[in-house]
């Protein structure tokens, strides 16, 4: 089956940058949309950024102007470039994708295992 694996998380100082990556592996047939979500302790999972099959990109308010999502269809990956990080960005970041494989006619939502991002002095 298809798995999503995130990488690139770690510890960074405020004002620093970090690039997260997510790769799809296994019996991948078609992915039409990618997204990044995050969840801090005691908080609900929230949208960071997503990109749809038609190129539309949406960012959470906190991410606008600081984060950039991009996808590489050939490599079956999506990345999240995070600049100007602040302590409030500390969370587990999850990759999400919608995958379809015939004979299915709709896309299945998939989640990665998450990668920890810690912004601290």
C-alpha atoms as a PDB file:
ATOM      1  CA  UNK A   1       0.000   0.000   0.000  1.00  0.00           C
ATOM      2  CA  UNK A   2       0.938   3.673  -0.028  1.00  0.00           C
ATOM      3  CA  UNK A   3       2.840   5.263   2.816  1.00  0.00           C
ATOM      4  CA  UNK A   4       3.746   8.884   3.499  1.00  0.00           C
ATOM      5  CA  UNK A   5       7.010   9.597   5.294  1.00  0.00           C
ATOM      6  CA  UNK A   6       7.966  13.037   6.585  1.00  0.00           C
ATOM      7  CA  UNK A   7      11.504  14.193   7.223  1.00  0.00           C
ATOM      8  CA  UNK A   8      13.425  17.354   7.987  1.00  0.00           C
ATOM      9  CA  UNK A   9      12.111  18.181  11.421  1.00  0.00           C
ATOM     10  CA  UNK A  10      14.389  19.173  14.244  1.00  0.00           C
ATOM     11  CA  UNK A  11      15.461  21.905  16.622  1.00  0.00           C
ATOM     12  CA  UNK A  12      15.937  25.432  15.318  1.00  0.00           C
ATOM     13  CA  UNK A  13      16.391  28.832  16.953  1.00  0.00           C
ATOM     14  CA  UNK A  14      13.795  31.584  16.597  1.00  0.00           C
ATOM     15  CA  UNK A  15      14.226  33.351  13.284  1.00  0.00           C
ATOM     16  CA  UNK A  16      15.719  30.273  11.725  1.00  0.00           C
ATOM     17  CA  UNK A  17      14.543  28.189   8.804  1.00  0.00           C
ATOM     18  CA  UNK A  18      13.650  24.584   8.252  1.00  0.00           C
ATOM     19  CA  UNK A  19      12.566  22.548   5.251  1.00  0.00           C
ATOM     20  CA  UNK A  20      10.235  19.604   5.678  1.00  0.00           C
ATOM     21  CA  UNK A  21       9.777  16.921   3.060  1.00  0.00           C
ATOM     22  CA  UNK A  22       7.206  14.207   2.566  1.00  0.00           C
ATOM     23  CA  UNK A  23       7.570  11.312   0.171  1.00  0.00           C
ATOM     24  CA  UNK A  24       4.975   8.823  -0.988  1.00  0.00           C
ATOM     25  CA  UNK A  25       6.095   5.255  -1.449  1.00  0.00           C
ATOM     26  CA  UNK A  26       4.580   1.887  -2.203  1.00  0.00           C
ATOM     27  CA  UNK A  27       1.941   1.242  -4.822  1.00  0.00           C
ATOM     28  CA  UNK A  28       1.421   4.886  -5.712  1.00  0.00           C
ATOM     29  CA  UNK A  29      -0.876   5.504  -8.650  1.00  0.00           C
ATOM     30  CA  UNK A  30      -2.149   9.061  -8.464  1.00  0.00           C
ATOM     31  CA  UNK A  31      -1.912  11.860  -5.914  1.00  0.00           C
ATOM     32  CA  UNK A  32      -3.961  14.934  -6.665  1.00  0.00           C
ATOM     33  CA  UNK A  33      -3.452  17.055  -3.562  1.00  0.00           C
ATOM     34  CA  UNK A  34      -0.875  17.521  -0.827  1.00  0.00           C
ATOM     35  CA  UNK A  35      -1.056  19.286   2.480  1.00  0.00           C
ATOM     36  CA  UNK A  36       0.765  20.000   5.708  1.00  0.00           C
ATOM     37  CA  UNK A  37      -0.890  20.116   9.107  1.00  0.00           C
ATOM     38  CA  UNK A  38       0.523  20.591  12.549  1.00  0.00           C
ATOM     39  CA  UNK A  39      -0.482  19.728  16.074  1.00  0.00           C
ATOM     40  CA  UNK A  40       0.980  21.225  19.227  1.00  0.00           C
ATOM     41  CA  UNK A  41       0.518  19.651  22.668  1.00  0.00           C
ATOM     42  CA  UNK A  42      -3.019  20.219  23.881  1.00  0.00           C
ATOM     43  CA  UNK A  43      -4.061  21.710  20.551  1.00  0.00           C
ATOM     44  CA  UNK A  44      -6.156  20.514  17.645  1.00  0.00           C
ATOM     45  CA  UNK A  45      -4.515  19.634  14.390  1.00  0.00           C
ATOM     46  CA  UNK A  46      -4.551  22.673  12.113  1.00  0.00           C
ATOM     47  CA  UNK A  47      -3.893  23.416   8.481  1.00  0.00           C
ATOM     48  CA  UNK A  48      -0.455  24.777   7.670  1.00  0.00           C
ATOM     49  CA  UNK A  49      -0.668  24.731   3.885  1.00  0.00           C
ATOM     50  CA  UNK A  50      -2.113  22.664   1.090  1.00  0.00           C
ATOM     51  CA  UNK A  51      -1.967  22.563  -2.671  1.00  0.00           C
ATOM     52  CA  UNK A  52      -4.703  21.186  -4.882  1.00  0.00           C
ATOM     53  CA  UNK A  53      -4.615  19.420  -8.222  1.00  0.00           C
ATOM     54  CA  UNK A  54      -5.456  22.643 -10.060  1.00  0.00           C
ATOM     55  CA  UNK A  55      -2.611  24.561  -8.441  1.00  0.00           C
ATOM     56  CA  UNK A  56      -4.564  26.376  -5.768  1.00  0.00           C
ATOM     57  CA  UNK A  57      -2.528  26.957  -2.612  1.00  0.00           C
ATOM     58  CA  UNK A  58      -3.958  27.713   0.793  1.00  0.00           C
ATOM     59  CA  UNK A  59      -2.065  28.735   3.921  1.00  0.00           C
ATOM     60  CA  UNK A  60      -3.042  29.016   7.508  1.00  0.00           C
ATOM     61  CA  UNK A  61      -2.995  32.627   8.659  1.00  0.00           C
ATOM     62  CA  UNK A  62       0.075  32.044  10.796  1.00  0.00           C
ATOM     63  CA  UNK A  63       1.945  30.642   7.794  1.00  0.00           C
ATOM     64  CA  UNK A  64       1.285  33.400   5.276  1.00  0.00           C
ATOM     65  CA  UNK A  65       4.452  35.181   4.273  1.00  0.00           C
ATOM     66  CA  UNK A  66       6.668  32.750   6.155  1.00  0.00           C
ATOM     67  CA  UNK A  67       5.969  29.257   4.832  1.00  0.00           C
ATOM     68  CA  UNK A  68       5.983  27.958   1.280  1.00  0.00           C
ATOM     69  CA  UNK A  69       4.541  24.667   0.081  1.00  0.00           C
ATOM     70  CA  UNK A  70       5.676  23.059  -3.153  1.00  0.00           C
ATOM     71  CA  UNK A  71       5.156  19.728  -4.841  1.00  0.00           C
ATOM     72  CA  UNK A  72       7.172  17.579  -7.195  1.00  0.00           C
ATOM     73  CA  UNK A  73       4.876  15.202  -9.031  1.00  0.00           C
ATOM     74  CA  UNK A  74       7.696  13.258 -10.669  1.00  0.00           C
ATOM     75  CA  UNK A  75       9.337  12.537  -7.323  1.00  0.00           C
ATOM     76  CA  UNK A  76       5.986  12.106  -5.566  1.00  0.00           C
ATOM     77  CA  UNK A  77       7.019  14.509  -2.855  1.00  0.00           C
ATOM     78  CA  UNK A  78       5.891  17.701  -1.218  1.00  0.00           C
ATOM     79  CA  UNK A  79       7.992  20.143   0.765  1.00  0.00           C
ATOM     80  CA  UNK A  80       7.345  22.886   3.262  1.00  0.00           C
ATOM     81  CA  UNK A  81       9.897  25.672   3.501  1.00  0.00           C
ATOM     82  CA  UNK A  82       9.561  27.454   6.831  1.00  0.00           C
ATOM     83  CA  UNK A  83      11.282  30.780   7.413  1.00  0.00           C
ATOM     84  CA  UNK A  84      11.198  33.201  10.293  1.00  0.00           C
ATOM     85  CA  UNK A  85      10.283  30.468  12.743  1.00  0.00           C
ATOM     86  CA  UNK A  86       8.918  31.430  16.138  1.00  0.00           C
ATOM     87  CA  UNK A  87       8.438  29.329  19.282  1.00  0.00           C
ATOM     88  CA  UNK A  88       4.706  29.098  18.564  1.00  0.00           C
ATOM     89  CA  UNK A  89       5.563  27.037  15.481  1.00  0.00           C
ATOM     90  CA  UNK A  90       6.673  24.191  17.737  1.00  0.00           C
ATOM     91  CA  UNK A  91       4.515  21.198  16.874  1.00  0.00           C
ATOM     92  CA  UNK A  92       4.416  17.855  15.163  1.00  0.00           C
ATOM     93  CA  UNK A  93       4.004  18.458  11.451  1.00  0.00           C
ATOM     94  CA  UNK A  94       2.019  15.937   9.433  1.00  0.00           C
ATOM     95  CA  UNK A  95       1.935  15.320   5.722  1.00  0.00           C
ATOM     96  CA  UNK A  96      -1.428  14.629   4.071  1.00  0.00           C
ATOM     97  CA  UNK A  97      -2.156  13.422   0.574  1.00  0.00           C
ATOM     98  CA  UNK A  98      -5.114  12.222  -1.431  1.00  0.00           C
ATOM     99  CA  UNK A  99      -4.399   9.044  -3.356  1.00  0.00           C
ATOM    100  CA  UNK A 100      -6.415   7.087  -5.882  1.00  0.00           C
ATOM    101  CA  UNK A 101      -5.755   3.740  -7.518  1.00  0.00           C
ATOM    102  CA  UNK A 102      -8.155   2.068  -9.964  1.00  0.00           C
ATOM    103  CA  UNK A 103     -10.793   0.783  -9.747  1.00  0.00           C
ATOM    104  CA  UNK A 104     -11.458   3.369  -7.054  1.00  0.00           C
ATOM    105  CA  UNK A 105     -13.156   6.493  -8.359  1.00  0.00           C
ATOM    106  CA  UNK A 106     -12.468   8.733  -5.374  1.00  0.00           C
ATOM    107  CA  UNK A 107      -9.314   9.728  -3.555  1.00  0.00           C
ATOM    108  CA  UNK A 108      -8.340   8.297  -0.193  1.00  0.00           C
ATOM    109  CA  UNK A 109      -6.916  10.581   2.451  1.00  0.00           C
ATOM    110  CA  UNK A 110      -3.524   9.468   3.752  1.00  0.00           C
ATOM    111  CA  UNK A 111      -1.449  10.740   6.653  1.00  0.00           C
ATOM    112  CA  UNK A 112       2.222  10.510   7.454  1.00  0.00           C
ATOM    113  CA  UNK A 113       3.578   9.689  10.889  1.00  0.00           C
ATOM    114  CA  UNK A 114       4.612  13.255  11.639  1.00  0.00           C
ATOM    115  CA  UNK A 115       7.914  15.007  12.241  1.00  0.00           C
ATOM    116  CA  UNK A 116       8.750  17.116  15.281  1.00  0.00           C
ATOM    117  CA  UNK A 117       9.632  20.775  14.842  1.00  0.00           C
ATOM    118  CA  UNK A 118      10.934  22.605  17.893  1.00  0.00           C
ATOM    119  CA  UNK A 119      11.701  26.329  17.838  1.00  0.00           C
ATOM    120  CA  UNK A 120      13.592  27.352  20.931  1.00  0.00           C
ATOM    121  CA  UNK A 121      16.494  29.468  22.136  1.00  0.00           C
END
